[in-house]
Amino acid sequence: MIEFCRKIKIELIALYPNATHYTHYIIIILQSLDVAIFHLFKNVWKEAINNWRLENEGERFKREKFAPLLEIALNSINLTKIIKKRF
């Protein structure tokens, strides 16, 4: 994920759990992302996992399966269009 973000010039920011009251303006800015992208991506991710489980009955989901499945999920949505529309 870090490599992907660096490649397309996304700066990742980690907030401490109790730091949100100090950074209220950041929360307001990120709220659009939460609704537009993260909510959508959660649904896409759940669908990708469910499809994988159907195709791989009985197989355990291992760590090495995560990145390829994440790539499939990310490629299935048009992030550029969604972000531009929200901002």
C-alpha atoms as a PDB file:
ATOM      1  CA  MET A   1       0.000   0.000   0.000  1.00  0.00           C
ATOM      2  CA  ILE A   2       2.825   2.382   0.862  1.00  0.00           C
ATOM      3  CA  GLU A   3       4.515   1.727  -2.493  1.00  0.00           C
ATOM      4  CA  PHE A   4       1.223   2.381  -4.337  1.00  0.00           C
ATOM      5  CA  CYS A   5       0.684   5.661  -2.474  1.00  0.00           C
ATOM      6  CA  ARG A   6       4.223   6.843  -3.143  1.00  0.00           C
ATOM      7  CA  LYS A   7       3.879   6.001  -6.824  1.00  0.00           C
ATOM      8  CA  ILE A   8       0.780   8.166  -7.272  1.00  0.00           C
ATOM      9  CA  LYS A   9       1.949  10.830  -4.796  1.00  0.00           C
ATOM     10  CA  ILE A  10      -0.502  10.221  -1.959  1.00  0.00           C
ATOM     11  CA  GLU A  11       0.790  11.258   1.431  1.00  0.00           C
ATOM     12  CA  LEU A  12      -0.292   8.909   4.198  1.00  0.00           C
ATOM     13  CA  ILE A  13      -1.084  10.409   7.577  1.00  0.00           C
ATOM     14  CA  ALA A  14      -1.505   8.401  10.763  1.00  0.00           C
ATOM     15  CA  LEU A  15      -3.558   9.985  13.528  1.00  0.00           C
ATOM     16  CA  TYR A  16      -3.338   8.862  17.119  1.00  0.00           C
ATOM     17  CA  PRO A  17      -6.676   7.526  18.424  1.00  0.00           C
ATOM     18  CA  ASN A  18      -7.262  10.382  20.868  1.00  0.00           C
ATOM     19  CA  ALA A  19      -5.767  13.129  18.720  1.00  0.00           C
ATOM     20  CA  THR A  20      -8.892  13.920  16.708  1.00  0.00           C
ATOM     21  CA  HIS A  21     -10.070  16.699  19.025  1.00  0.00           C
ATOM     22  CA  TYR A  22      -6.790  18.518  18.300  1.00  0.00           C
ATOM     23  CA  THR A  23      -7.092  18.059  14.558  1.00  0.00           C
ATOM     24  CA  HIS A  24     -10.770  18.814  13.960  1.00  0.00           C
ATOM     25  CA  TYR A  25     -10.092  20.534  10.634  1.00  0.00           C
ATOM     26  CA  ILE A  26      -8.378  17.389   9.309  1.00  0.00           C
ATOM     27  CA  ILE A  27     -11.407  15.304  10.245  1.00  0.00           C
ATOM     28  CA  ILE A  28     -13.690  17.648   8.313  1.00  0.00           C
ATOM     29  CA  ILE A  29     -11.458  17.384   5.252  1.00  0.00           C
ATOM     30  CA  LEU A  30     -11.223  13.613   5.495  1.00  0.00           C
ATOM     31  CA  GLN A  31     -14.920  13.081   6.111  1.00  0.00           C
ATOM     32  CA  SER A  32     -15.604  13.255   2.368  1.00  0.00           C
ATOM     33  CA  LEU A  33     -13.043  10.519   1.884  1.00  0.00           C
ATOM     34  CA  ASP A  34     -14.654   8.434   4.583  1.00  0.00           C
ATOM     35  CA  VAL A  35     -18.075   8.594   2.979  1.00  0.00           C
ATOM     36  CA  ALA A  36     -17.062   8.552  -0.675  1.00  0.00           C
ATOM     37  CA  ILE A  37     -14.109   6.218  -0.763  1.00  0.00           C
ATOM     38  CA  PHE A  38     -13.687   4.199   2.394  1.00  0.00           C
ATOM     39  CA  HIS A  39     -17.357   3.233   2.584  1.00  0.00           C
ATOM     40  CA  LEU A  40     -17.347   2.276  -1.090  1.00  0.00           C
ATOM     41  CA  PHE A  41     -14.065   0.428  -0.720  1.00  0.00           C
ATOM     42  CA  LYS A  42     -15.347  -1.527   2.306  1.00  0.00           C
ATOM     43  CA  ASN A  43     -18.184  -2.809   0.130  1.00  0.00           C
ATOM     44  CA  VAL A  44     -15.844  -3.623  -2.766  1.00  0.00           C
ATOM     45  CA  TRP A  45     -13.432  -5.373  -0.375  1.00  0.00           C
ATOM     46  CA  LYS A  46     -16.225  -7.470   1.176  1.00  0.00           C
ATOM     47  CA  GLU A  47     -17.355  -8.485  -2.312  1.00  0.00           C
ATOM     48  CA  ALA A  48     -13.786  -9.421  -3.307  1.00  0.00           C
ATOM     49  CA  ILE A  49     -13.395 -11.546  -0.162  1.00  0.00           C
ATOM     50  CA  ASN A  50     -16.757 -13.237  -0.706  1.00  0.00           C
ATOM     51  CA  ASN A  51     -15.882 -13.991  -4.338  1.00  0.00           C
ATOM     52  CA  TRP A  52     -12.511 -15.402  -3.284  1.00  0.00           C
ATOM     53  CA  ARG A  53     -14.191 -17.649  -0.716  1.00  0.00           C
ATOM     54  CA  LEU A  54     -16.665 -18.927  -3.300  1.00  0.00           C
ATOM     55  CA  GLU A  55     -13.866 -19.682  -5.759  1.00  0.00           C
ATOM     56  CA  ASN A  56     -11.633 -21.291  -3.112  1.00  0.00           C
ATOM     57  CA  GLU A  57     -13.988 -23.391  -1.033  1.00  0.00           C
ATOM     58  CA  GLY A  58     -12.416 -24.613   2.147  1.00  0.00           C
ATOM     59  CA  GLU A  59      -9.065 -22.899   1.529  1.00  0.00           C
ATOM     60  CA  ARG A  60      -7.787 -20.670   4.295  1.00  0.00           C
ATOM     61  CA  PHE A  61      -7.191 -17.016   3.376  1.00  0.00           C
ATOM     62  CA  LYS A  62      -3.459 -16.521   3.894  1.00  0.00           C
ATOM     63  CA  ARG A  63      -1.346 -13.392   4.146  1.00  0.00           C
ATOM     64  CA  GLU A  64       0.146 -13.827   0.671  1.00  0.00           C
ATOM     65  CA  LYS A  65      -3.363 -13.682  -0.857  1.00  0.00           C
ATOM     66  CA  PHE A  66      -4.048 -10.242   0.656  1.00  0.00           C
ATOM     67  CA  ALA A  67      -2.071  -7.974  -1.717  1.00  0.00           C
ATOM     68  CA  PRO A  68      -3.282  -9.558  -4.981  1.00  0.00           C
ATOM     69  CA  LEU A  69      -6.882  -9.413  -3.787  1.00  0.00           C
ATOM     70  CA  LEU A  70      -6.421  -5.820  -2.621  1.00  0.00           C
ATOM     71  CA  GLU A  71      -5.111  -4.910  -6.065  1.00  0.00           C
ATOM     72  CA  ILE A  72      -8.180  -6.457  -7.704  1.00  0.00           C
ATOM     73  CA  ALA A  73     -10.477  -4.543  -5.353  1.00  0.00           C
ATOM     74  CA  LEU A  74      -8.662  -1.226  -5.902  1.00  0.00           C
ATOM     75  CA  ASN A  75      -8.649  -1.671  -9.670  1.00  0.00           C
ATOM     76  CA  SER A  76     -12.400  -2.311  -9.697  1.00  0.00           C
ATOM     77  CA  ILE A  77     -13.231   1.260  -8.662  1.00  0.00           C
ATOM     78  CA  ASN A  78     -12.440   4.545 -10.407  1.00  0.00           C
ATOM     79  CA  LEU A  79     -10.775   6.430  -7.555  1.00  0.00           C
ATOM     80  CA  THR A  80      -9.858   9.453  -9.666  1.00  0.00           C
ATOM     81  CA  LYS A  81     -13.442  10.058 -10.729  1.00  0.00           C
ATOM     82  CA  ILE A  82     -14.813   9.560  -7.200  1.00  0.00           C
ATOM     83  CA  ILE A  83     -12.250  11.842  -5.558  1.00  0.00           C
ATOM     84  CA  LYS A  84     -12.750  14.625  -8.098  1.00  0.00           C
ATOM     85  CA  LYS A  85     -16.502  14.389  -7.693  1.00  0.00           C
ATOM     86  CA  ARG A  86     -16.318  14.623  -3.880  1.00  0.00           C
ATOM     87  CA  PHE A  87     -13.850  17.489  -3.714  1.00  0.00           C
END
